[in-house]
C-alpha cells in the first residue's frame, strides 16, 4: 500500500524544507527571521567562502561556516560527521538562534551546504529551518538586493534535543539497510566508480538519485513535486512504501535528496558517514556500475 505523505514530524507542525526567493524577500528584516549564508566549495580543497560573503550577501544574512558549526571538530571534512550535543549547543549560541526563530539557509553549491546544516539543525531539534530554493544565484537573477553589511549577532538560547530518527550511524545502517530504500545522492560518476580503483563506487544495493537530477539545470531550482515523483517512480522501486535512507560521499549531496523527499512530505534519514566511512573497512563490499567496452 502506498505510504501516506507525512504532514507532521513527531506530532508537531511540518515545516516545508524550501522557501521561495519572493517569500524570503517579503519577510526579510522581521525580528525572528534569521538568514544564514552557508556558501562553500567541496573538491580537493573543501572550504567555506567568508570572503565572498563580505563582498555580497542577502540583506540581514549572517555567515555560517560549515567547517565550524554542527560538525565534528578535528576531523577531515570528508569523514567528519554531525557535532556532539555540546558542540551543537555552542553552535546555536554562536549563531544567535532562539526557539521562536525562523531560520533560512542558502548557498550557491546545489543546496549541499545549506542542506547539510538544514539536516543538522533538525537532528538537534530545531525544526523551523528552511533552505532558499535556487540559492543566491536565483535570488540575484530575480533582481533582489544584496548587501555588504556584516551583522552583529547576540547569543542564542536554543537548547538542542537529539532527534535520533533523522540519522543512521554505521551500526544502525548495517541493521536497517536491507529493509529500506538506500539512496545515493552523489553525481553519477562517483556512484559508478572507477575500474582502476576497486574501492570506488557505491554501497551495494544503494540506488542512484544524483543531486543534479533533482534540480533544474538552468535555474538551479528544485524540480516541481510532480516531476520529482515521476523521477523517483522511474528509478527507485518501492520509494513510496519503504523506509528511505539517504547517503552520498560524506553526508552533503545526500541532503539534497532529503530535501526533495521532504518537499513531497516524506521523511527520510541520513547515513551520516556515507560512502567515505563505509569504504574505510576493507571487508565491506563495494559495487560499481561501469559500462564495459
C-alpha atoms as a PDB file:
ATOM      1  CA  UNK A   1       0.000   0.000   0.000  1.00  0.00           C
ATOM      2  CA  UNK A   2       1.304   3.443  -0.857  1.00  0.00           C
ATOM      3  CA  UNK A   3       2.591   5.339   2.130  1.00  0.00           C
ATOM      4  CA  UNK A   4       0.738   8.497   3.046  1.00  0.00           C
ATOM      5  CA  UNK A   5       2.774  11.658   2.833  1.00  0.00           C
ATOM      6  CA  UNK A   6       3.834  12.922   6.222  1.00  0.00           C
ATOM      7  CA  UNK A   7       2.143  16.073   7.450  1.00  0.00           C
ATOM      8  CA  UNK A   8       3.873  16.183  10.808  1.00  0.00           C
ATOM      9  CA  UNK A   9       7.167  15.338  12.449  1.00  0.00           C
ATOM     10  CA  UNK A  10       6.923  13.883  15.954  1.00  0.00           C
ATOM     11  CA  UNK A  11       3.275  15.051  16.045  1.00  0.00           C
ATOM     12  CA  UNK A  12       4.288  18.685  15.614  1.00  0.00           C
ATOM     13  CA  UNK A  13       3.991  21.172  12.754  1.00  0.00           C
ATOM     14  CA  UNK A  14       5.586  20.028   9.493  1.00  0.00           C
ATOM     15  CA  UNK A  15       7.795  22.751   8.036  1.00  0.00           C
ATOM     16  CA  UNK A  16       8.312  22.824   4.289  1.00  0.00           C
ATOM     17  CA  UNK A  17      12.021  22.365   3.552  1.00  0.00           C
ATOM     18  CA  UNK A  18      12.143  25.132   0.930  1.00  0.00           C
ATOM     19  CA  UNK A  19      11.385  28.830   0.829  1.00  0.00           C
ATOM     20  CA  UNK A  20      10.961  30.777  -2.419  1.00  0.00           C
ATOM     21  CA  UNK A  21      13.035  33.891  -3.047  1.00  0.00           C
ATOM     22  CA  UNK A  22       9.953  36.138  -3.174  1.00  0.00           C
ATOM     23  CA  UNK A  23       8.670  34.691   0.096  1.00  0.00           C
ATOM     24  CA  UNK A  24      12.013  35.347   1.760  1.00  0.00           C
ATOM     25  CA  UNK A  25      12.150  38.883   0.386  1.00  0.00           C
ATOM     26  CA  UNK A  26       8.717  39.550   1.900  1.00  0.00           C
ATOM     27  CA  UNK A  27       9.806  38.526   5.416  1.00  0.00           C
ATOM     28  CA  UNK A  28      13.366  39.900   5.459  1.00  0.00           C
ATOM     29  CA  UNK A  29      14.016  42.086   8.466  1.00  0.00           C
ATOM     30  CA  UNK A  30      11.352  40.573  10.711  1.00  0.00           C
ATOM     31  CA  UNK A  31      12.828  40.174  14.223  1.00  0.00           C
ATOM     32  CA  UNK A  32      12.586  36.394  14.406  1.00  0.00           C
ATOM     33  CA  UNK A  33      13.732  35.663  10.844  1.00  0.00           C
ATOM     34  CA  UNK A  34      17.404  34.642  10.842  1.00  0.00           C
ATOM     35  CA  UNK A  35      19.113  34.251   7.465  1.00  0.00           C
ATOM     36  CA  UNK A  36      22.451  32.472   7.074  1.00  0.00           C
ATOM     37  CA  UNK A  37      24.899  32.387   4.187  1.00  0.00           C
ATOM     38  CA  UNK A  38      26.378  28.869   4.071  1.00  0.00           C
ATOM     39  CA  UNK A  39      28.380  29.174   0.877  1.00  0.00           C
ATOM     40  CA  UNK A  40      31.288  26.811   0.386  1.00  0.00           C
ATOM     41  CA  UNK A  41      33.045  24.522  -2.057  1.00  0.00           C
ATOM     42  CA  UNK A  42      33.945  20.838  -1.978  1.00  0.00           C
ATOM     43  CA  UNK A  43      36.559  19.006  -4.044  1.00  0.00           C
ATOM     44  CA  UNK A  44      40.280  18.870  -3.242  1.00  0.00           C
ATOM     45  CA  UNK A  45      40.079  21.983  -1.042  1.00  0.00           C
ATOM     46  CA  UNK A  46      36.798  21.940   0.907  1.00  0.00           C
ATOM     47  CA  UNK A  47      36.267  25.341   2.470  1.00  0.00           C
ATOM     48  CA  UNK A  48      33.753  27.969   3.442  1.00  0.00           C
ATOM     49  CA  UNK A  49      33.513  31.205   1.456  1.00  0.00           C
ATOM     50  CA  UNK A  50      33.593  34.013   4.002  1.00  0.00           C
ATOM     51  CA  UNK A  51      35.381  36.416   1.634  1.00  0.00           C
ATOM     52  CA  UNK A  52      32.578  36.004  -0.890  1.00  0.00           C
ATOM     53  CA  UNK A  53      30.085  36.701   1.897  1.00  0.00           C
ATOM     54  CA  UNK A  54      31.804  40.008   2.700  1.00  0.00           C
ATOM     55  CA  UNK A  55      31.567  41.063  -0.946  1.00  0.00           C
ATOM     56  CA  UNK A  56      27.832  40.401  -1.261  1.00  0.00           C
ATOM     57  CA  UNK A  57      25.107  38.536   0.557  1.00  0.00           C
ATOM     58  CA  UNK A  58      21.378  38.633   1.112  1.00  0.00           C
ATOM     59  CA  UNK A  59      20.492  41.583   3.360  1.00  0.00           C
ATOM     60  CA  UNK A  60      20.398  40.700   7.102  1.00  0.00           C
ATOM     61  CA  UNK A  61      22.234  37.410   6.467  1.00  0.00           C
ATOM     62  CA  UNK A  62      24.939  36.270   8.864  1.00  0.00           C
ATOM     63  CA  UNK A  63      27.733  33.941   7.816  1.00  0.00           C
ATOM     64  CA  UNK A  64      27.560  30.297   8.881  1.00  0.00           C
ATOM     65  CA  UNK A  65      30.847  28.470   8.474  1.00  0.00           C
ATOM     66  CA  UNK A  66      30.031  24.856   7.625  1.00  0.00           C
ATOM     67  CA  UNK A  67      33.582  23.892   8.592  1.00  0.00           C
ATOM     68  CA  UNK A  68      32.978  25.020  12.184  1.00  0.00           C
ATOM     69  CA  UNK A  69      29.278  24.701  13.051  1.00  0.00           C
ATOM     70  CA  UNK A  70      27.325  21.464  13.616  1.00  0.00           C
ATOM     71  CA  UNK A  71      30.293  19.326  12.583  1.00  0.00           C
ATOM     72  CA  UNK A  72      32.801  17.105  14.363  1.00  0.00           C
ATOM     73  CA  UNK A  73      35.904  19.046  15.282  1.00  0.00           C
ATOM     74  CA  UNK A  74      39.460  17.974  14.405  1.00  0.00           C
ATOM     75  CA  UNK A  75      38.246  15.555  11.714  1.00  0.00           C
ATOM     76  CA  UNK A  76      38.869  15.980   7.975  1.00  0.00           C
ATOM     77  CA  UNK A  77      35.709  17.188   6.170  1.00  0.00           C
ATOM     78  CA  UNK A  78      35.374  14.027   4.085  1.00  0.00           C
ATOM     79  CA  UNK A  79      34.993  11.946   7.265  1.00  0.00           C
ATOM     80  CA  UNK A  80      33.548  14.461   9.739  1.00  0.00           C
ATOM     81  CA  UNK A  81      30.056  13.659  10.970  1.00  0.00           C
ATOM     82  CA  UNK A  82      27.490  15.688  12.879  1.00  0.00           C
ATOM     83  CA  UNK A  83      28.588  17.519  16.013  1.00  0.00           C
ATOM     84  CA  UNK A  84      28.139  16.363  19.584  1.00  0.00           C
ATOM     85  CA  UNK A  85      25.431  17.787  21.844  1.00  0.00           C
ATOM     86  CA  UNK A  86      27.859  20.267  23.427  1.00  0.00           C
ATOM     87  CA  UNK A  87      29.162  21.389  20.043  1.00  0.00           C
ATOM     88  CA  UNK A  88      25.629  21.809  18.697  1.00  0.00           C
ATOM     89  CA  UNK A  89      24.646  23.778  21.787  1.00  0.00           C
ATOM     90  CA  UNK A  90      27.585  26.099  21.180  1.00  0.00           C
ATOM     91  CA  UNK A  91      26.640  26.497  17.523  1.00  0.00           C
ATOM     92  CA  UNK A  92      23.130  27.659  18.414  1.00  0.00           C
ATOM     93  CA  UNK A  93      24.694  30.121  20.869  1.00  0.00           C
ATOM     94  CA  UNK A  94      27.233  31.337  18.295  1.00  0.00           C
ATOM     95  CA  UNK A  95      24.563  31.869  15.649  1.00  0.00           C
ATOM     96  CA  UNK A  96      22.106  33.683  17.911  1.00  0.00           C
ATOM     97  CA  UNK A  97      19.274  31.210  17.372  1.00  0.00           C
ATOM     98  CA  UNK A  98      16.258  31.105  19.695  1.00  0.00           C
ATOM     99  CA  UNK A  99      13.377  28.652  19.882  1.00  0.00           C
ATOM    100  CA  UNK A 100      10.893  31.100  18.340  1.00  0.00           C
ATOM    101  CA  UNK A 101      13.078  31.923  15.311  1.00  0.00           C
ATOM    102  CA  UNK A 102      12.576  31.018  11.676  1.00  0.00           C
ATOM    103  CA  UNK A 103      15.912  30.110  10.099  1.00  0.00           C
ATOM    104  CA  UNK A 104      16.588  30.417   6.354  1.00  0.00           C
ATOM    105  CA  UNK A 105      19.782  28.940   4.876  1.00  0.00           C
ATOM    106  CA  UNK A 106      21.273  29.446   1.434  1.00  0.00           C
ATOM    107  CA  UNK A 107      24.380  28.590  -0.541  1.00  0.00           C
ATOM    108  CA  UNK A 108      25.468  28.574  -4.182  1.00  0.00           C
ATOM    109  CA  UNK A 109      26.553  24.945  -4.417  1.00  0.00           C
ATOM    110  CA  UNK A 110      23.458  22.988  -5.420  1.00  0.00           C
ATOM    111  CA  UNK A 111      21.965  23.386  -1.897  1.00  0.00           C
ATOM    112  CA  UNK A 112      24.509  20.908  -0.464  1.00  0.00           C
ATOM    113  CA  UNK A 113      25.913  23.025   2.354  1.00  0.00           C
ATOM    114  CA  UNK A 114      22.586  24.641   3.217  1.00  0.00           C
ATOM    115  CA  UNK A 115      21.048  21.161   3.066  1.00  0.00           C
ATOM    116  CA  UNK A 116      23.651  19.727   5.413  1.00  0.00           C
ATOM    117  CA  UNK A 117      23.007  22.435   8.008  1.00  0.00           C
ATOM    118  CA  UNK A 118      19.218  22.119   7.476  1.00  0.00           C
ATOM    119  CA  UNK A 119      19.532  18.441   8.360  1.00  0.00           C
ATOM    120  CA  UNK A 120      21.936  19.013  11.284  1.00  0.00           C
ATOM    121  CA  UNK A 121      19.720  21.665  12.886  1.00  0.00           C
ATOM    122  CA  UNK A 122      16.715  19.366  12.624  1.00  0.00           C
ATOM    123  CA  UNK A 123      18.758  16.485  14.036  1.00  0.00           C
ATOM    124  CA  UNK A 124      19.456  18.699  17.036  1.00  0.00           C
ATOM    125  CA  UNK A 125      15.776  19.536  17.449  1.00  0.00           C
ATOM    126  CA  UNK A 126      15.330  22.834  15.610  1.00  0.00           C
ATOM    127  CA  UNK A 127      12.502  22.250  13.124  1.00  0.00           C
ATOM    128  CA  UNK A 128      11.677  25.700  11.770  1.00  0.00           C
ATOM    129  CA  UNK A 129      14.573  25.805   9.330  1.00  0.00           C
ATOM    130  CA  UNK A 130      14.262  26.101   5.552  1.00  0.00           C
ATOM    131  CA  UNK A 131      16.539  26.263   2.517  1.00  0.00           C
ATOM    132  CA  UNK A 132      16.311  29.050  -0.066  1.00  0.00           C
ATOM    133  CA  UNK A 133      15.229  27.401  -3.309  1.00  0.00           C
ATOM    134  CA  UNK A 134      17.775  28.206  -6.003  1.00  0.00           C
ATOM    135  CA  UNK A 135      20.298  29.757  -3.627  1.00  0.00           C
ATOM    136  CA  UNK A 136      21.965  33.123  -4.023  1.00  0.00           C
ATOM    137  CA  UNK A 137      22.239  32.803  -7.817  1.00  0.00           C
ATOM    138  CA  UNK A 138      18.471  32.577  -8.254  1.00  0.00           C
ATOM    139  CA  UNK A 139      17.909  35.348  -5.697  1.00  0.00           C
ATOM    140  CA  UNK A 140      20.113  37.691  -7.742  1.00  0.00           C
ATOM    141  CA  UNK A 141      18.566  36.607 -11.048  1.00  0.00           C
ATOM    142  CA  UNK A 142      15.222  37.962  -9.797  1.00  0.00           C
ATOM    143  CA  UNK A 143      16.762  41.335  -9.085  1.00  0.00           C
ATOM    144  CA  UNK A 144      16.549  41.168  -5.304  1.00  0.00           C
ATOM    145  CA  UNK A 145      19.110  43.254  -3.454  1.00  0.00           C
ATOM    146  CA  UNK A 146      22.398  42.182  -1.903  1.00  0.00           C
ATOM    147  CA  UNK A 147      24.372  43.785   0.903  1.00  0.00           C
ATOM    148  CA  UNK A 148      27.872  44.085   2.360  1.00  0.00           C
ATOM    149  CA  UNK A 149      26.669  44.890   5.878  1.00  0.00           C
ATOM    150  CA  UNK A 150      28.043  42.493   8.497  1.00  0.00           C
ATOM    151  CA  UNK A 151      25.500  41.528  11.136  1.00  0.00           C
ATOM    152  CA  UNK A 152      26.039  41.774  14.879  1.00  0.00           C
ATOM    153  CA  UNK A 153      24.926  38.508  16.473  1.00  0.00           C
ATOM    154  CA  UNK A 154      23.863  38.152  20.105  1.00  0.00           C
ATOM    155  CA  UNK A 155      23.999  34.845  21.952  1.00  0.00           C
ATOM    156  CA  UNK A 156      21.358  32.285  21.092  1.00  0.00           C
ATOM    157  CA  UNK A 157      19.337  30.383  23.672  1.00  0.00           C
ATOM    158  CA  UNK A 158      18.014  27.351  21.779  1.00  0.00           C
ATOM    159  CA  UNK A 159      18.578  24.121  23.696  1.00  0.00           C
ATOM    160  CA  UNK A 160      19.325  21.118  21.452  1.00  0.00           C
ATOM    161  CA  UNK A 161      17.420  17.858  21.755  1.00  0.00           C
ATOM    162  CA  UNK A 162      18.651  14.956  19.652  1.00  0.00           C
ATOM    163  CA  UNK A 163      16.191  13.524  17.113  1.00  0.00           C
ATOM    164  CA  UNK A 164      17.777  10.138  16.528  1.00  0.00           C
ATOM    165  CA  UNK A 165      15.321   9.084  13.821  1.00  0.00           C
ATOM    166  CA  UNK A 166      16.927  11.545  11.383  1.00  0.00           C
ATOM    167  CA  UNK A 167      20.371   9.911  11.458  1.00  0.00           C
ATOM    168  CA  UNK A 168      21.788   6.469  10.774  1.00  0.00           C
ATOM    169  CA  UNK A 169      25.061   5.625  12.479  1.00  0.00           C
ATOM    170  CA  UNK A 170      27.168   2.873  10.929  1.00  0.00           C
ATOM    171  CA  UNK A 171      25.844   0.369  13.448  1.00  0.00           C
ATOM    172  CA  UNK A 172      22.242   1.348  12.731  1.00  0.00           C
ATOM    173  CA  UNK A 173      22.762   1.423   8.992  1.00  0.00           C
ATOM    174  CA  UNK A 174      24.124  -2.120   8.938  1.00  0.00           C
ATOM    175  CA  UNK A 175      20.890  -3.270  10.565  1.00  0.00           C
ATOM    176  CA  UNK A 176      18.440  -1.086   8.616  1.00  0.00           C
ATOM    177  CA  UNK A 177      19.839  -1.036   5.078  1.00  0.00           C
ATOM    178  CA  UNK A 178      18.385  -4.353   3.963  1.00  0.00           C
ATOM    179  CA  UNK A 179      14.845  -3.257   4.793  1.00  0.00           C
ATOM    180  CA  UNK A 180      14.993   0.233   3.306  1.00  0.00           C
ATOM    181  CA  UNK A 181      15.473   2.161   0.087  1.00  0.00           C
ATOM    182  CA  UNK A 182      19.063   3.372   0.305  1.00  0.00           C
ATOM    183  CA  UNK A 183      19.582   6.457  -1.865  1.00  0.00           C
ATOM    184  CA  UNK A 184      22.953   7.717  -3.106  1.00  0.00           C
ATOM    185  CA  UNK A 185      22.792  11.434  -3.892  1.00  0.00           C
ATOM    186  CA  UNK A 186      26.243  11.821  -5.464  1.00  0.00           C
ATOM    187  CA  UNK A 187      26.820  12.622  -9.103  1.00  0.00           C
ATOM    188  CA  UNK A 188      26.666   9.583 -11.353  1.00  0.00           C
ATOM    189  CA  UNK A 189      30.457   9.375 -11.839  1.00  0.00           C
ATOM    190  CA  UNK A 190      31.056   8.998  -8.113  1.00  0.00           C
ATOM    191  CA  UNK A 191      28.303   6.404  -7.869  1.00  0.00           C
ATOM    192  CA  UNK A 192      29.622   4.393 -10.811  1.00  0.00           C
ATOM    193  CA  UNK A 193      33.215   4.277  -9.566  1.00  0.00           C
ATOM    194  CA  UNK A 194      36.476   3.817 -11.449  1.00  0.00           C
ATOM    195  CA  UNK A 195      37.541   0.497 -12.901  1.00  0.00           C
ATOM    196  CA  UNK A 196      41.152   1.080 -11.859  1.00  0.00           C
ATOM    197  CA  UNK A 197      40.158   1.646  -8.224  1.00  0.00           C
ATOM    198  CA  UNK A 198      38.036  -1.128  -6.696  1.00  0.00           C
ATOM    199  CA  UNK A 199      37.424   0.960  -3.555  1.00  0.00           C
ATOM    200  CA  UNK A 200      35.358   3.457  -5.555  1.00  0.00           C
ATOM    201  CA  UNK A 201      31.707   3.020  -6.421  1.00  0.00           C
ATOM    202  CA  UNK A 202      28.758   2.685  -4.074  1.00  0.00           C
ATOM    203  CA  UNK A 203      27.287   0.746  -1.197  1.00  0.00           C
ATOM    204  CA  UNK A 204      25.758  -2.475  -2.538  1.00  0.00           C
ATOM    205  CA  UNK A 205      22.027  -2.026  -3.037  1.00  0.00           C
ATOM    206  CA  UNK A 206      22.145   1.783  -2.998  1.00  0.00           C
ATOM    207  CA  UNK A 207      20.111   3.434  -5.770  1.00  0.00           C
ATOM    208  CA  UNK A 208      21.467   6.451  -7.610  1.00  0.00           C
ATOM    209  CA  UNK A 209      19.448   9.675  -7.314  1.00  0.00           C
ATOM    210  CA  UNK A 210      22.023  12.302  -8.345  1.00  0.00           C
ATOM    211  CA  UNK A 211      21.572  15.685  -6.696  1.00  0.00           C
ATOM    212  CA  UNK A 212      21.712  17.450 -10.076  1.00  0.00           C
ATOM    213  CA  UNK A 213      18.857  15.329 -11.444  1.00  0.00           C
ATOM    214  CA  UNK A 214      16.610  16.885  -8.787  1.00  0.00           C
ATOM    215  CA  UNK A 215      17.382  20.450  -9.872  1.00  0.00           C
ATOM    216  CA  UNK A 216      16.514  22.476 -12.965  1.00  0.00           C
ATOM    217  CA  UNK A 217      19.786  22.846 -14.860  1.00  0.00           C
ATOM    218  CA  UNK A 218      19.065  26.449 -15.877  1.00  0.00           C
ATOM    219  CA  UNK A 219      17.625  27.996 -12.711  1.00  0.00           C
ATOM    220  CA  UNK A 220      19.076  25.730 -10.016  1.00  0.00           C
ATOM    221  CA  UNK A 221      15.612  25.403  -8.523  1.00  0.00           C
ATOM    222  CA  UNK A 222      14.296  22.084  -7.282  1.00  0.00           C
ATOM    223  CA  UNK A 223      12.026  20.336  -9.753  1.00  0.00           C
ATOM    224  CA  UNK A 224       8.299  20.598  -9.176  1.00  0.00           C
ATOM    225  CA  UNK A 225       6.747  17.898  -6.976  1.00  0.00           C
ATOM    226  CA  UNK A 226       5.172  16.014  -9.884  1.00  0.00           C
ATOM    227  CA  UNK A 227       8.499  15.941 -11.726  1.00  0.00           C
ATOM    228  CA  UNK A 228      10.302  14.624  -8.642  1.00  0.00           C
ATOM    229  CA  UNK A 229       7.685  11.907  -8.167  1.00  0.00           C
ATOM    230  CA  UNK A 230       7.981  10.854 -11.795  1.00  0.00           C
ATOM    231  CA  UNK A 231      11.768  10.745 -11.491  1.00  0.00           C
ATOM    232  CA  UNK A 232      11.555   8.602  -8.361  1.00  0.00           C
ATOM    233  CA  UNK A 233       8.910   6.320  -9.897  1.00  0.00           C
ATOM    234  CA  UNK A 234      11.223   5.672 -12.838  1.00  0.00           C
ATOM    235  CA  UNK A 235      14.371   4.994 -10.819  1.00  0.00           C
ATOM    236  CA  UNK A 236      13.594   3.975  -7.232  1.00  0.00           C
ATOM    237  CA  UNK A 237      11.487   0.848  -6.690  1.00  0.00           C
ATOM    238  CA  UNK A 238       9.279   0.955  -3.599  1.00  0.00           C
ATOM    239  CA  UNK A 239      10.186   4.533  -2.648  1.00  0.00           C
ATOM    240  CA  UNK A 240       6.507   5.120  -1.903  1.00  0.00           C
ATOM    241  CA  UNK A 241       6.301   2.320   0.669  1.00  0.00           C
ATOM    242  CA  UNK A 242       9.710   1.613   2.200  1.00  0.00           C
ATOM    243  CA  UNK A 243      11.794   3.467   4.750  1.00  0.00           C
ATOM    244  CA  UNK A 244      14.206   5.840   2.988  1.00  0.00           C
ATOM    245  CA  UNK A 245      17.845   6.282   3.984  1.00  0.00           C
ATOM    246  CA  UNK A 246      19.815   8.913   2.068  1.00  0.00           C
ATOM    247  CA  UNK A 247      23.563   8.802   1.662  1.00  0.00           C
ATOM    248  CA  UNK A 248      26.316  10.151  -0.592  1.00  0.00           C
ATOM    249  CA  UNK A 249      30.072  10.552  -0.170  1.00  0.00           C
ATOM    250  CA  UNK A 250      30.311  12.494   3.082  1.00  0.00           C
ATOM    251  CA  UNK A 251      26.746  13.485   4.017  1.00  0.00           C
ATOM    252  CA  UNK A 252      26.240  16.581   1.857  1.00  0.00           C
ATOM    253  CA  UNK A 253      24.696  15.803  -1.542  1.00  0.00           C
ATOM    254  CA  UNK A 254      22.537  13.197   0.199  1.00  0.00           C
ATOM    255  CA  UNK A 255      20.758  16.033   1.975  1.00  0.00           C
ATOM    256  CA  UNK A 256      19.664  17.390  -1.438  1.00  0.00           C
ATOM    257  CA  UNK A 257      17.736  14.137  -1.877  1.00  0.00           C
ATOM    258  CA  UNK A 258      16.384  14.513   1.665  1.00  0.00           C
ATOM    259  CA  UNK A 259      15.044  17.962   0.762  1.00  0.00           C
ATOM    260  CA  UNK A 260      13.405  16.537  -2.365  1.00  0.00           C
ATOM    261  CA  UNK A 261      11.676  13.840  -0.309  1.00  0.00           C
ATOM    262  CA  UNK A 262      10.676  16.372   2.350  1.00  0.00           C
ATOM    263  CA  UNK A 263       9.176  18.611  -0.341  1.00  0.00           C
ATOM    264  CA  UNK A 264       6.819  15.698  -1.012  1.00  0.00           C
ATOM    265  CA  UNK A 265       6.055  15.467   2.710  1.00  0.00           C
ATOM    266  CA  UNK A 266       8.161  12.316   3.101  1.00  0.00           C
ATOM    267  CA  UNK A 267      10.567  11.851   5.970  1.00  0.00           C
ATOM    268  CA  UNK A 268      13.946  10.239   5.387  1.00  0.00           C
ATOM    269  CA  UNK A 269      17.070   9.729   7.460  1.00  0.00           C
ATOM    270  CA  UNK A 270      20.727  10.316   6.605  1.00  0.00           C
ATOM    271  CA  UNK A 271      23.513   7.752   6.779  1.00  0.00           C
ATOM    272  CA  UNK A 272      25.860  10.360   8.174  1.00  0.00           C
ATOM    273  CA  UNK A 273      29.159   8.626   7.447  1.00  0.00           C
ATOM    274  CA  UNK A 274      28.009   7.689   3.940  1.00  0.00           C
ATOM    275  CA  UNK A 275      30.342   6.047   1.435  1.00  0.00           C
ATOM    276  CA  UNK A 276      33.573   7.602   2.720  1.00  0.00           C
ATOM    277  CA  UNK A 277      33.161   5.932   6.102  1.00  0.00           C
ATOM    278  CA  UNK A 278      31.683   2.759   4.608  1.00  0.00           C
ATOM    279  CA  UNK A 279      34.769   2.108   2.475  1.00  0.00           C
ATOM    280  CA  UNK A 280      37.231   2.532   5.362  1.00  0.00           C
ATOM    281  CA  UNK A 281      36.701  -1.099   6.314  1.00  0.00           C
ATOM    282  CA  UNK A 282      38.324  -3.228   3.564  1.00  0.00           C
ATOM    283  CA  UNK A 283      35.954  -6.069   4.445  1.00  0.00           C
ATOM    284  CA  UNK A 284      32.875  -4.073   3.448  1.00  0.00           C
ATOM    285  CA  UNK A 285      31.811  -4.804  -0.126  1.00  0.00           C
ATOM    286  CA  UNK A 286      31.594  -2.114  -2.804  1.00  0.00           C
ATOM    287  CA  UNK A 287      29.620  -2.179  -6.048  1.00  0.00           C
ATOM    288  CA  UNK A 288      30.463  -0.434  -9.314  1.00  0.00           C
ATOM    289  CA  UNK A 289      28.284   0.442 -12.295  1.00  0.00           C
ATOM    290  CA  UNK A 290      30.855   0.858 -15.033  1.00  0.00           C
ATOM    291  CA  UNK A 291      29.883   0.205 -18.628  1.00  0.00           C
ATOM    292  CA  UNK A 292      32.042  -2.450 -20.217  1.00  0.00           C
ATOM    293  CA  UNK A 293      33.568  -1.598 -23.599  1.00  0.00           C
END
